[in-house]
Amino acid sequence: MKFLGSLLLAAISLPSVAFAAWGYTDNGSSYIIETGAQLVFAVSKSNGDITSMKYRGTETNGYQGKNSHVESGLGASVVTIKQYSTPANIIQVTVTYGTIVQTYIARYGNNNIYMLTNKGDATVAASRYIVRLVPGLLPKALTDSDYYDASTVTVEASDVTLSSANGYTKSKHYQGSNYGRTMDYDYVGKATSTLGIWLIRSNREKASGGPFFRSLVRGCSPIAEDLYEILYYNMGTTDPQRWGLQGPYVLSFTDGGAPNSALISRNVDWSWMDTLGIKGWVPTSGRGSVAGVGIKNMKAGYTYVVGLSNTDAQYWGTANPTTGAFSIAKILPGTYTLTIYKGEIEVHTSSVVVTAGGKIALNSITPTDPSDTVSIWRIGEWDGSPAGFTNFDKTPMLPTYMHPSDKRISTWTPPNYIVGTSNAAGSMPGYMWKDINNGHLIYFKLTAAQTAAAHTVRIGITEAFIGGRPQITINGWSSKLPAATTQASTRSLTVGTYRGNNVMLTYDVPASAFLTAGQYNIMSINVISGSTGTEFLSPGISLDAIDFI
């Protein structure tokens, strides 16, 4: 049975362009949806997979019998379709599988598939939507960090490999050179001179990890090509899994150009979806906003980010670099923790209550910045990242898009650090592991007055693997063994992310620990843990800053 609208483009008016009709066809196994543009796609009536995506007549969907779908496919589902003529010409497919509701939407004249995923609870796994593309349509290079070329061998688990062709380590997790953190990109994809396929991310209000989250978003091999919308991915994050509606996210096809910027989450107007009955949909009228007039005590050279989060939703925005003014709109009602970050380190937290239609206006906020504490010496900067340390002195930072064992990375055992002579890039590793570079030394001198007093050492970490945390010794004195910090339970440092929970550990050092004035004191940093592992999977930490006050 065929259901075609009357909005057909006359072939004689544009003979050089083949536009699709508008409407859908039920062929018994799938709904074939014609967008009235150059895109025709099909959705399985049995499981809700996208089984075909033809752009200008070329099939772009799938490989090795695999289609595009939530997770690795939902199984037998209830799939329904509905066509609207108001508020626009729209076709909506709804897929229900247990507590998951997946929605696909086509809008007349658009080469886009609008998608939304409602996760009800943990009974159905839903960490991502995978767009599987026909291999060979889009470019790939041997140097791409997420391209598993044919000559790779396994380095770690099954998802980190080494290319024998160029000696580079590869992984779908290694996106530091492609996209970076969630806040750094709006869409993922690739293009040739005649075809672009782009997955425009949602605002991620129901995802996890916040603005600085790093995760897989793209991957390819000679026989596979994937794009991902992350619904919940626990690699390197301690955020809760959030339930409810995530999206829209948009799969957009172009003739080689970038996707329409009006579809980017911070720009888009989704009001045309308000009347479609999408499960969990909350219109703009049911949301609120938070704005601040400014942030005081801002430090030059840093981006200040304002985040809102609770167990149900997350949002963020950047502050004006001069005044610190900020505004976050379209927030679901609820009580949120408002966090201001300098770089990636928290310098202020407070609570705000957002109501439907409400507009919260905040007075100027003065952060508490650990760098404001006067120190005798400091290595690195308090910014919530290992930027500036050994192997983290380039942009993008090398370990965000390659394995720590990669030949392009410098030694993890640089010379010992001498305060007043050394620099962090040359003499202080940004990552430390129990098996790799434990016991790195810092040499420093004190004056007579400083030697006579007790002092505090502060070490900031941004992530820890399997319970790693730093213990210090100074000369013959040893600190107490610090407790393990709360961090992700997954791999982190080896899969391109240092982004865990920022923690400052403090060590009170008595005056008796120090040598006489003018002599070099020697501080050793040792990673300890009650867990075991080997080499780069041994207990480890990511450093933020080290100072002596």
Protein backbone atom coordinates (compact mmCIF):
# COMPACT_ATOMS: atom_id res chain seq x y z
CA MET A 1 0.00 0.00 0.00
CA LYS A 2 1.35 3.46 -0.87
CA PHE A 3 0.64 6.74 0.92
CA LEU A 4 1.99 9.65 -1.14
CA GLY A 5 1.33 13.32 -0.55
CA SER A 6 0.51 15.71 -3.31
CA LEU A 7 3.72 17.69 -2.91
CA LEU A 8 5.55 16.17 -5.88
CA LEU A 9 8.11 18.26 -7.72
CA ALA A 10 7.42 18.34 -11.44
CA ALA A 11 10.28 16.65 -13.26
CA ILE A 12 9.95 18.99 -16.22
CA SER A 13 10.63 22.04 -14.06
CA LEU A 14 14.02 20.80 -12.83
CA PRO A 15 15.14 18.14 -15.30
CA SER A 16 18.75 18.00 -13.99
CA VAL A 17 17.88 17.10 -10.38
CA ALA A 18 16.08 13.92 -9.32
CA PHE A 19 14.02 14.74 -6.24
CA ALA A 20 12.15 12.09 -4.30
CA ALA A 21 8.44 12.13 -3.86
CA TRP A 22 6.89 12.93 -0.48
CA GLY A 23 5.21 10.18 1.51
CA TYR A 24 5.78 6.62 2.61
CA THR A 25 5.35 3.13 1.26
CA ASP A 26 4.62 0.00 3.29
CA ASN A 27 6.33 -2.88 1.50
CA GLY A 28 5.35 -5.42 4.14
CA SER A 29 8.70 -5.54 5.96
CA SER A 30 9.66 -1.86 6.08
CA TYR A 31 8.29 1.63 5.84
CA ILE A 32 9.97 3.37 2.90
CA ILE A 33 9.99 7.12 3.56
CA GLU A 34 10.50 9.60 0.73
CA THR A 35 11.46 13.05 1.98
CA GLY A 36 10.53 15.17 -1.01
CA ALA A 37 14.25 15.89 -1.41
CA GLN A 38 17.18 13.62 -2.34
CA LEU A 39 16.88 11.26 0.64
CA VAL A 40 14.84 8.08 0.85
CA PHE A 41 15.17 5.87 3.91
CA ALA A 42 13.57 2.71 5.26
CA VAL A 43 12.69 1.61 8.79
CA SER A 44 12.15 -2.06 9.62
CA LYS A 45 8.62 -2.85 10.81
CA SER A 46 9.94 -5.70 12.92
CA ASN A 47 12.76 -4.16 14.97
CA GLY A 48 12.97 -0.44 14.13
CA ASP A 49 16.38 -0.61 12.45
CA ILE A 50 17.08 1.84 9.65
CA THR A 51 17.61 -0.67 6.86
CA SER A 52 18.27 1.69 3.97
CA MET A 53 19.36 5.31 3.43
CA LYS A 54 19.61 6.30 -0.21
CA TYR A 55 20.92 9.76 -1.01
CA ARG A 56 20.69 10.75 -4.66
CA GLY A 57 20.06 7.08 -5.37
CA THR A 58 23.21 5.81 -3.62
CA GLU A 59 22.81 3.42 -0.70
CA THR A 60 24.68 4.69 2.36
CA ASN A 61 23.38 2.41 5.12
CA GLY A 62 24.94 -0.67 6.65
CA TYR A 63 27.70 -3.20 6.27
CA GLN A 64 28.07 -6.96 6.77
CA GLY A 65 24.33 -7.32 7.33
CA LYS A 66 24.32 -4.70 10.13
CA ASN A 67 22.02 -1.70 10.10
CA SER A 68 21.72 1.62 11.96
CA HIS A 69 20.04 1.33 15.36
CA VAL A 70 20.08 1.85 19.10
CA GLU A 71 22.87 -0.13 20.81
CA SER A 72 23.34 -3.25 18.64
CA GLY A 73 19.69 -3.49 17.64
CA LEU A 74 16.53 -3.68 19.68
CA GLY A 75 14.92 -6.94 18.64
CA ALA A 76 11.21 -7.49 18.00
CA SER A 77 9.49 -4.13 18.47
CA VAL A 78 6.17 -2.39 17.93
CA VAL A 79 6.69 -0.03 15.00
CA THR A 80 4.06 2.52 13.95
CA ILE A 81 3.98 5.35 11.43
CA LYS A 82 1.99 8.56 11.20
CA GLN A 83 1.83 11.36 8.66
CA TYR A 84 1.03 15.01 9.46
CA SER A 85 0.20 18.03 7.35
CA THR A 86 0.41 20.48 10.24
CA PRO A 87 2.43 22.18 11.68
CA ALA A 88 4.40 20.99 8.64
CA ASN A 89 4.50 18.03 6.30
CA ILE A 90 5.95 15.42 8.65
CA ILE A 91 6.28 11.64 8.79
CA GLN A 92 6.92 10.09 12.20
CA VAL A 93 7.96 6.52 12.94
CA THR A 94 7.76 5.32 16.53
CA VAL A 95 9.59 2.18 17.68
CA THR A 96 8.74 0.70 21.07
CA TYR A 97 10.90 -2.00 22.61
CA GLY A 98 10.29 -2.60 26.29
CA THR A 99 11.03 0.69 28.03
CA ILE A 100 12.83 2.18 24.99
CA VAL A 101 10.96 4.41 22.56
CA GLN A 102 12.92 5.39 19.45
CA THR A 103 11.48 8.05 17.15
CA TYR A 104 12.42 8.84 13.55
CA ILE A 105 11.03 11.92 11.83
CA ALA A 106 11.16 13.15 8.25
CA ARG A 107 10.15 16.65 7.26
CA TYR A 108 9.22 17.55 3.72
CA GLY A 109 12.09 18.86 1.60
CA ASN A 110 14.79 18.09 4.20
CA ASN A 111 17.62 15.63 3.66
CA ASN A 112 17.59 14.85 7.36
CA ILE A 113 16.47 12.08 9.68
CA TYR A 114 15.49 13.58 13.03
CA MET A 115 15.91 11.07 15.86
CA LEU A 116 15.00 10.90 19.54
CA THR A 117 15.56 8.16 22.12
CA ASN A 118 13.53 7.78 25.29
CA LYS A 119 15.22 5.50 27.81
CA GLY A 120 12.79 4.33 30.47
CA ASP A 121 15.06 2.37 32.80
CA ALA A 122 17.96 -0.06 32.95
CA THR A 123 15.99 -3.05 31.68
CA VAL A 124 17.04 -2.21 28.12
CA ALA A 125 20.67 -1.30 27.44
CA ALA A 126 20.99 1.89 25.45
CA SER A 127 24.44 3.46 25.52
CA ARG A 128 24.46 4.85 21.97
CA TYR A 129 22.77 5.16 18.62
CA ILE A 130 25.03 3.76 15.91
CA VAL A 131 24.79 5.01 12.34
CA ARG A 132 26.38 2.29 10.23
CA LEU A 133 27.53 3.48 6.82
CA VAL A 134 28.60 1.68 3.68
CA PRO A 135 32.43 1.43 3.79
CA GLY A 136 34.33 3.27 1.08
CA LEU A 137 31.85 6.10 0.52
CA LEU A 138 33.67 8.53 2.76
CA PRO A 139 37.38 9.28 3.05
CA LYS A 140 39.72 7.70 5.55
CA ALA A 141 43.43 8.14 6.06
CA LEU A 142 46.08 5.88 7.50
CA THR A 143 46.89 8.63 9.99
CA ASP A 144 43.31 8.91 11.31
CA SER A 145 43.33 8.09 15.02
CA ASP A 146 40.03 6.17 14.79
CA TYR A 147 40.80 4.21 11.61
CA TYR A 148 41.56 0.54 12.25
CA ASP A 149 43.51 -0.19 9.08
CA ALA A 150 43.95 -3.71 7.79
CA SER A 151 47.45 -4.11 9.22
CA THR A 152 46.60 -3.56 12.88
CA VAL A 153 47.43 -5.76 15.84
CA THR A 154 45.84 -5.58 19.29
CA VAL A 155 47.46 -3.44 21.97
CA GLU A 156 44.79 -3.37 24.65
CA ALA A 157 41.43 -5.12 25.02
CA SER A 158 39.95 -5.42 21.53
CA ASP A 159 39.55 -1.73 20.78
CA VAL A 160 43.11 -0.34 20.90
CA THR A 161 45.37 -1.46 18.09
CA LEU A 162 48.76 -0.76 16.56
CA SER A 163 49.12 -0.19 12.83
CA SER A 164 52.08 -2.06 11.39
CA ALA A 165 51.85 0.27 8.40
CA ASN A 166 52.89 3.41 10.28
CA GLY A 167 53.35 2.37 13.92
CA TYR A 168 50.47 4.51 15.16
CA THR A 169 48.08 3.32 17.85
CA LYS A 170 44.41 3.50 16.88
CA SER A 171 41.06 3.38 18.64
CA LYS A 172 37.51 4.58 18.18
CA HIS A 173 38.03 6.18 21.62
CA TYR A 174 40.84 8.40 20.33
CA GLN A 175 38.97 11.54 19.30
CA GLY A 176 41.22 14.26 20.75
CA SER A 177 42.53 15.21 17.33
CA ASN A 178 39.13 14.93 15.64
CA TYR A 179 36.51 16.33 18.00
CA GLY A 180 37.82 16.64 21.54
CA ARG A 181 35.36 17.16 24.38
CA THR A 182 31.58 17.19 24.00
CA MET A 183 31.46 20.99 24.23
CA ASP A 184 34.06 21.30 21.46
CA TYR A 185 32.02 19.82 18.61
CA ASP A 186 28.49 20.10 17.26
CA TYR A 187 28.48 17.23 14.78
CA VAL A 188 30.56 14.30 13.61
CA GLY A 189 30.94 12.88 10.15
CA LYS A 190 32.86 13.05 6.92
CA ALA A 191 32.50 14.39 3.40
CA THR A 192 33.74 14.08 -0.12
CA SER A 193 33.32 16.79 -2.76
CA THR A 194 29.85 15.42 -3.54
CA LEU A 195 28.61 13.69 -0.36
CA GLY A 196 28.56 14.67 3.27
CA ILE A 197 27.04 12.54 6.04
CA TRP A 198 26.80 14.24 9.43
CA LEU A 199 25.41 13.25 12.79
CA ILE A 200 24.50 16.45 14.62
CA ARG A 201 24.58 15.78 18.35
CA SER A 202 21.73 16.55 20.71
CA ASN A 203 22.06 19.00 23.58
CA ARG A 204 22.90 15.88 25.65
CA GLU A 205 20.58 16.89 28.49
CA LYS A 206 19.87 13.24 29.26
CA ALA A 207 23.37 11.94 28.58
CA SER A 208 26.24 11.95 31.08
CA GLY A 209 29.73 13.32 31.53
CA GLY A 210 29.13 17.05 31.24
CA PRO A 211 30.85 19.50 28.89
CA PHE A 212 34.32 17.98 29.14
CA PHE A 213 33.36 14.38 28.46
CA ARG A 214 35.52 12.53 25.94
CA SER A 215 34.20 9.40 24.27
CA LEU A 216 33.91 7.48 21.05
CA VAL A 217 31.91 9.39 18.45
CA ARG A 218 33.28 7.91 15.21
CA GLY A 219 35.13 4.84 14.03
CA CYS A 220 36.02 3.06 10.82
CA SER A 221 37.94 0.22 9.23
CA PRO A 222 38.20 -1.12 5.67
CA ILE A 223 34.91 -2.98 6.24
CA ALA A 224 33.01 -0.66 8.58
CA GLU A 225 32.13 3.00 9.13
CA ASP A 226 30.29 4.23 12.24
CA LEU A 227 28.97 7.47 13.70
CA TYR A 228 27.67 7.61 17.27
CA GLU A 229 25.21 9.63 19.30
CA ILE A 230 26.18 8.83 22.89
CA LEU A 231 23.14 8.11 25.06
CA TYR A 232 25.13 6.93 28.06
CA TYR A 233 28.74 5.83 28.00
CA ASN A 234 30.46 5.11 31.28
CA MET A 235 34.02 5.04 29.99
CA GLY A 236 35.91 7.42 32.23
CA THR A 237 32.88 9.05 33.83
CA THR A 238 31.28 8.85 37.26
CA ASP A 239 28.10 10.65 36.22
CA PRO A 240 24.79 8.87 36.74
CA GLN A 241 22.88 7.34 33.87
CA ARG A 242 19.93 9.61 33.19
CA TRP A 243 16.51 8.45 32.05
CA GLY A 244 14.02 10.06 29.73
CA LEU A 245 14.10 11.65 26.29
CA GLN A 246 17.40 12.44 24.58
CA GLY A 247 17.28 14.39 21.38
CA PRO A 248 16.59 15.42 18.79
CA TYR A 249 19.85 14.44 17.15
CA VAL A 250 19.96 14.70 13.38
CA LEU A 251 21.47 12.58 10.62
CA SER A 252 21.99 15.08 7.82
CA PHE A 253 22.99 14.46 4.20
CA THR A 254 24.63 17.15 2.04
CA ASP A 255 26.30 17.43 -1.33
CA GLY A 256 29.67 17.71 0.38
CA GLY A 257 29.22 20.80 2.51
CA ALA A 258 28.85 21.12 6.26
CA PRO A 259 25.38 20.60 7.76
CA ASN A 260 23.00 23.51 8.23
CA SER A 261 24.12 25.46 11.31
CA ALA A 262 20.44 26.05 12.19
CA LEU A 263 20.33 22.36 13.21
CA ILE A 264 23.06 22.73 15.86
CA SER A 265 21.61 22.15 19.32
CA ARG A 266 22.35 25.64 20.67
CA ASN A 267 20.77 27.29 17.60
CA VAL A 268 17.83 25.09 16.71
CA ASP A 269 14.12 25.76 17.16
CA TRP A 270 12.28 22.49 17.77
CA SER A 271 8.84 24.03 18.35
CA TRP A 272 7.49 22.25 15.27
CA MET A 273 7.76 18.99 17.26
CA ASP A 274 5.59 20.25 20.13
CA THR A 275 2.37 18.65 18.86
CA LEU A 276 3.75 15.30 17.66
CA GLY A 277 3.05 13.40 20.87
CA ILE A 278 6.66 12.33 21.36
CA LYS A 279 7.02 10.48 24.67
CA GLY A 280 8.82 12.66 27.20
CA TRP A 281 8.77 15.78 25.03
CA VAL A 282 8.85 19.05 26.98
CA PRO A 283 8.28 22.23 24.93
CA THR A 284 10.18 25.44 25.54
CA SER A 285 7.18 26.80 27.47
CA GLY A 286 7.70 24.03 30.03
CA ARG A 287 11.33 24.91 30.60
CA GLY A 288 13.22 27.67 32.40
CA SER A 289 16.47 29.59 32.17
CA VAL A 290 19.41 30.72 34.32
CA ALA A 291 21.52 33.81 33.66
CA GLY A 292 24.32 35.52 35.56
CA VAL A 293 25.51 39.10 35.25
CA GLY A 294 29.16 38.16 35.65
CA ILE A 295 32.02 36.23 37.22
CA LYS A 296 34.63 38.08 39.26
CA ASN A 297 38.31 37.21 39.66
CA MET A 298 38.54 35.62 36.22
CA LYS A 299 42.03 34.59 35.17
CA ALA A 300 43.33 35.57 31.74
CA GLY A 301 43.78 32.79 29.22
CA TYR A 302 41.03 30.53 30.55
CA THR A 303 37.57 29.72 29.29
CA TYR A 304 35.01 29.80 32.08
CA VAL A 305 32.20 27.27 31.72
CA VAL A 306 28.97 27.25 33.70
CA GLY A 307 27.35 23.85 34.20
CA LEU A 308 24.00 22.77 35.62
CA SER A 309 23.45 19.18 36.65
CA ASN A 310 21.33 16.85 38.73
CA THR A 311 20.45 13.17 38.44
CA ASP A 312 17.87 13.94 35.73
CA ALA A 313 19.56 16.39 33.36
CA GLN A 314 22.72 18.36 32.51
CA TYR A 315 23.41 21.65 30.69
CA TRP A 316 26.30 24.03 30.17
CA GLY A 317 27.33 27.27 28.56
CA THR A 318 30.44 29.44 28.29
CA ALA A 319 30.81 32.75 30.08
CA ASN A 320 31.66 36.00 28.34
CA PRO A 321 35.48 36.15 28.39
CA THR A 322 35.49 39.76 29.55
CA THR A 323 32.56 40.12 31.94
CA GLY A 324 31.78 36.52 32.84
CA ALA A 325 28.12 36.99 31.95
CA PHE A 326 26.36 33.75 31.06
CA SER A 327 22.96 32.42 30.07
CA ILE A 328 21.59 28.89 29.81
CA ALA A 329 18.11 28.39 28.38
CA LYS A 330 15.61 25.58 27.80
CA ILE A 331 16.30 23.85 31.11
CA LEU A 332 13.97 21.19 32.46
CA PRO A 333 12.40 22.13 35.82
CA GLY A 334 14.31 20.92 38.87
CA THR A 335 16.93 21.69 41.47
CA TYR A 336 20.41 21.87 39.98
CA THR A 337 23.97 22.20 41.17
CA LEU A 338 25.44 25.21 39.38
CA THR A 339 29.18 24.82 38.86
CA ILE A 340 31.61 27.35 37.46
CA TYR A 341 34.74 25.91 35.91
CA LYS A 342 38.01 27.70 35.19
CA GLY A 343 39.19 25.55 32.34
CA GLU A 344 37.98 22.22 33.70
CA ILE A 345 38.40 22.80 37.44
CA GLU A 346 35.47 23.65 39.70
CA VAL A 347 35.90 27.07 41.30
CA HIS A 348 32.31 27.66 42.47
CA THR A 349 29.24 25.58 43.26
CA SER A 350 25.77 26.62 44.38
CA SER A 351 22.18 25.46 44.03
CA VAL A 352 19.47 26.85 41.76
CA VAL A 353 15.82 25.87 41.35
CA VAL A 354 14.48 26.07 37.81
CA THR A 355 10.74 26.24 37.15
CA ALA A 356 8.68 26.02 33.96
CA GLY A 357 8.74 29.45 32.36
CA GLY A 358 10.94 30.78 35.15
CA LYS A 359 13.94 33.03 34.57
CA ILE A 360 16.60 33.00 37.28
CA ALA A 361 18.89 36.05 37.38
CA LEU A 362 22.06 35.71 39.46
CA ASN A 363 24.29 38.47 40.78
CA SER A 364 28.02 38.47 40.13
CA ILE A 365 29.76 35.37 41.45
CA THR A 366 33.23 35.33 42.99
CA PRO A 367 34.90 31.95 42.53
CA THR A 368 37.33 30.32 44.94
CA ASP A 369 40.40 29.57 42.84
CA PRO A 370 43.16 27.33 44.28
CA SER A 371 45.71 29.33 42.29
CA ASP A 372 44.95 32.34 44.51
CA THR A 373 46.72 30.63 47.39
CA VAL A 374 50.28 31.94 47.54
CA SER A 375 52.74 29.12 47.04
CA ILE A 376 56.48 28.81 47.50
CA TRP A 377 56.57 26.83 44.28
CA ARG A 378 54.03 25.34 41.90
CA ILE A 379 54.26 22.88 39.02
CA GLY A 380 51.48 23.12 36.45
CA GLU A 381 48.35 25.24 36.69
CA TRP A 382 45.13 24.61 38.57
CA ASP A 383 42.90 24.13 35.54
CA GLY A 384 41.48 20.61 35.90
CA SER A 385 43.73 19.08 33.24
CA PRO A 386 47.32 17.84 32.80
CA ALA A 387 47.92 20.51 30.16
CA GLY A 388 51.51 21.70 30.16
CA PHE A 389 53.03 18.59 31.71
CA THR A 390 55.29 16.16 29.86
CA ASN A 391 53.38 14.72 26.87
CA PHE A 392 50.57 17.25 27.42
CA ASP A 393 52.34 20.33 26.09
CA LYS A 394 50.86 20.20 22.59
CA THR A 395 47.40 21.07 21.26
CA PRO A 396 45.57 18.76 20.99
CA MET A 397 47.19 16.82 23.83
CA LEU A 398 48.77 13.66 22.43
CA PRO A 399 47.34 11.15 24.94
CA THR A 400 43.80 12.20 23.96
CA TYR A 401 44.25 10.58 20.56
CA MET A 402 46.82 7.84 20.99
CA HIS A 403 47.81 5.14 23.45
CA PRO A 404 50.44 6.07 26.06
CA SER A 405 52.78 3.54 24.42
CA ASP A 406 52.61 5.28 21.03
CA LYS A 407 55.95 6.02 19.41
CA ARG A 408 54.96 9.68 18.92
CA ILE A 409 54.81 10.18 22.68
CA SER A 410 57.91 11.21 24.59
CA THR A 411 59.26 9.20 27.48
CA TRP A 412 57.08 8.91 30.57
CA THR A 413 60.26 8.99 32.67
CA PRO A 414 61.64 12.48 32.00
CA PRO A 415 64.46 13.97 34.10
CA ASN A 416 63.70 14.76 37.71
CA TYR A 417 62.14 18.15 38.36
CA ILE A 418 64.36 20.86 39.87
CA VAL A 419 62.35 23.81 41.18
CA GLY A 420 63.66 27.04 39.68
CA THR A 421 65.37 25.28 36.79
CA SER A 422 63.02 22.74 35.22
CA ASN A 423 59.70 23.19 33.46
CA ALA A 424 56.65 20.96 33.57
CA ALA A 425 56.75 20.10 29.87
CA GLY A 426 60.25 18.68 30.14
CA SER A 427 60.41 17.21 33.62
CA MET A 428 56.99 16.33 35.06
CA PRO A 429 54.88 13.55 33.48
CA GLY A 430 51.18 14.36 33.20
CA TYR A 431 50.27 10.72 33.85
CA MET A 432 51.91 8.51 36.45
CA TRP A 433 51.54 4.74 36.77
CA LYS A 434 52.77 2.41 39.48
CA ASP A 435 54.51 0.18 36.91
CA ILE A 436 55.80 2.88 34.56
CA ASN A 437 57.15 5.97 36.30
CA ASN A 438 56.59 5.66 40.01
CA GLY A 439 58.80 7.63 42.36
CA HIS A 440 59.31 10.72 40.21
CA LEU A 441 61.48 13.20 42.14
CA ILE A 442 61.15 16.93 42.77
CA TYR A 443 64.16 18.84 44.12
CA PHE A 444 63.63 22.11 45.95
CA LYS A 445 65.45 24.44 48.35
CA LEU A 446 64.05 26.46 51.25
CA THR A 447 65.22 29.52 53.12
CA ALA A 448 66.07 29.36 56.79
CA ALA A 449 62.68 30.79 57.74
CA GLN A 450 60.86 28.36 55.46
CA THR A 451 62.83 25.41 56.82
CA ALA A 452 61.78 26.25 60.34
CA ALA A 453 58.05 26.01 59.56
CA ALA A 454 55.59 23.28 58.68
CA HIS A 455 54.21 23.35 55.14
CA THR A 456 51.47 21.83 53.04
CA VAL A 457 51.88 20.03 49.73
CA ARG A 458 48.85 20.01 47.44
CA ILE A 459 48.53 17.57 44.57
CA GLY A 460 45.59 17.82 42.20
CA ILE A 461 44.49 14.81 40.18
CA THR A 462 41.86 14.75 37.44
CA GLU A 463 41.43 10.99 37.14
CA ALA A 464 42.69 7.81 38.74
CA PHE A 465 42.76 4.26 37.42
CA ILE A 466 41.98 1.27 39.68
CA GLY A 467 42.40 3.21 42.89
CA GLY A 468 45.68 4.94 42.10
CA ARG A 469 46.52 7.92 44.33
CA PRO A 470 49.74 9.74 45.20
CA GLN A 471 51.68 9.26 48.41
CA ILE A 472 54.70 11.48 48.99
CA THR A 473 58.00 11.28 50.81
CA ILE A 474 60.25 14.25 51.56
CA ASN A 475 63.76 13.29 52.52
CA GLY A 476 63.23 10.73 55.29
CA TRP A 477 59.60 11.68 56.03
CA SER A 478 56.65 9.80 54.54
CA SER A 479 53.06 10.99 54.33
CA LYS A 480 50.11 8.98 55.49
CA LEU A 481 48.53 6.74 52.88
CA PRO A 482 45.67 8.72 51.35
CA ALA A 483 42.33 7.07 50.75
CA ALA A 484 41.28 6.19 47.22
CA THR A 485 39.31 8.88 45.42
CA THR A 486 35.97 8.35 43.70
CA GLN A 487 36.66 7.80 40.01
CA ALA A 488 35.41 5.80 37.06
CA SER A 489 35.51 2.02 37.26
CA THR A 490 36.56 1.69 33.62
CA ARG A 491 39.70 2.30 31.63
CA SER A 492 40.47 5.99 31.25
CA LEU A 493 44.09 7.08 30.82
CA THR A 494 44.67 4.59 28.00
CA VAL A 495 41.49 5.40 26.04
CA GLY A 496 42.04 9.08 25.47
CA THR A 497 40.61 10.70 28.60
CA TYR A 498 41.95 12.29 31.76
CA ARG A 499 38.48 13.51 32.71
CA GLY A 500 37.39 12.00 35.98
CA ASN A 501 36.65 13.74 39.27
CA ASN A 502 38.99 16.57 40.16
CA VAL A 503 40.44 15.96 43.63
CA MET A 504 42.97 17.99 45.61
CA LEU A 505 44.98 15.88 48.05
CA THR A 506 46.80 17.73 50.81
CA TYR A 507 49.80 16.60 52.83
CA ASP A 508 50.84 18.39 56.03
CA VAL A 509 54.61 18.23 56.28
CA PRO A 510 56.31 18.97 59.63
CA ALA A 511 59.32 21.27 59.83
CA SER A 512 61.41 18.30 60.96
CA ALA A 513 61.14 16.81 57.45
CA PHE A 514 63.24 19.54 55.82
CA LEU A 515 66.98 19.84 55.38
CA THR A 516 68.86 22.96 56.36
CA ALA A 517 68.54 26.11 54.28
CA GLY A 518 70.24 25.97 50.90
CA GLN A 519 70.25 22.18 50.66
CA TYR A 520 68.09 20.34 48.15
CA ASN A 521 65.06 18.65 49.66
CA ILE A 522 63.90 15.66 47.64
CA MET A 523 60.21 14.89 47.29
CA SER A 524 59.13 11.60 45.73
CA ILE A 525 55.64 11.01 44.33
CA ASN A 526 54.55 7.39 44.47
CA VAL A 527 51.34 5.93 43.09
CA ILE A 528 49.78 3.49 45.54
CA SER A 529 46.69 1.29 45.30
CA GLY A 530 45.14 -1.80 46.76
CA SER A 531 44.46 -3.01 43.22
CA THR A 532 46.91 -4.52 40.80
CA GLY A 533 47.61 -4.20 37.11
CA THR A 534 50.57 -4.14 34.78
CA GLU A 535 52.32 -1.42 32.78
CA PHE A 536 49.83 1.15 31.46
CA LEU A 537 46.97 -0.72 33.10
CA SER A 538 48.62 -0.57 36.51
CA PRO A 539 47.23 1.92 39.05
CA GLY A 540 47.62 5.40 37.63
CA ILE A 541 46.77 9.08 38.05
CA SER A 542 46.41 12.18 35.89
CA LEU A 543 47.99 15.28 37.41
CA ASP A 544 46.47 18.76 37.52
CA ALA A 545 48.97 20.74 39.62
CA ILE A 546 51.44 20.31 42.45
CA ASP A 547 52.35 23.09 44.83
CA PHE A 548 54.14 23.75 48.11
CA ILE A 549 52.58 26.29 50.45
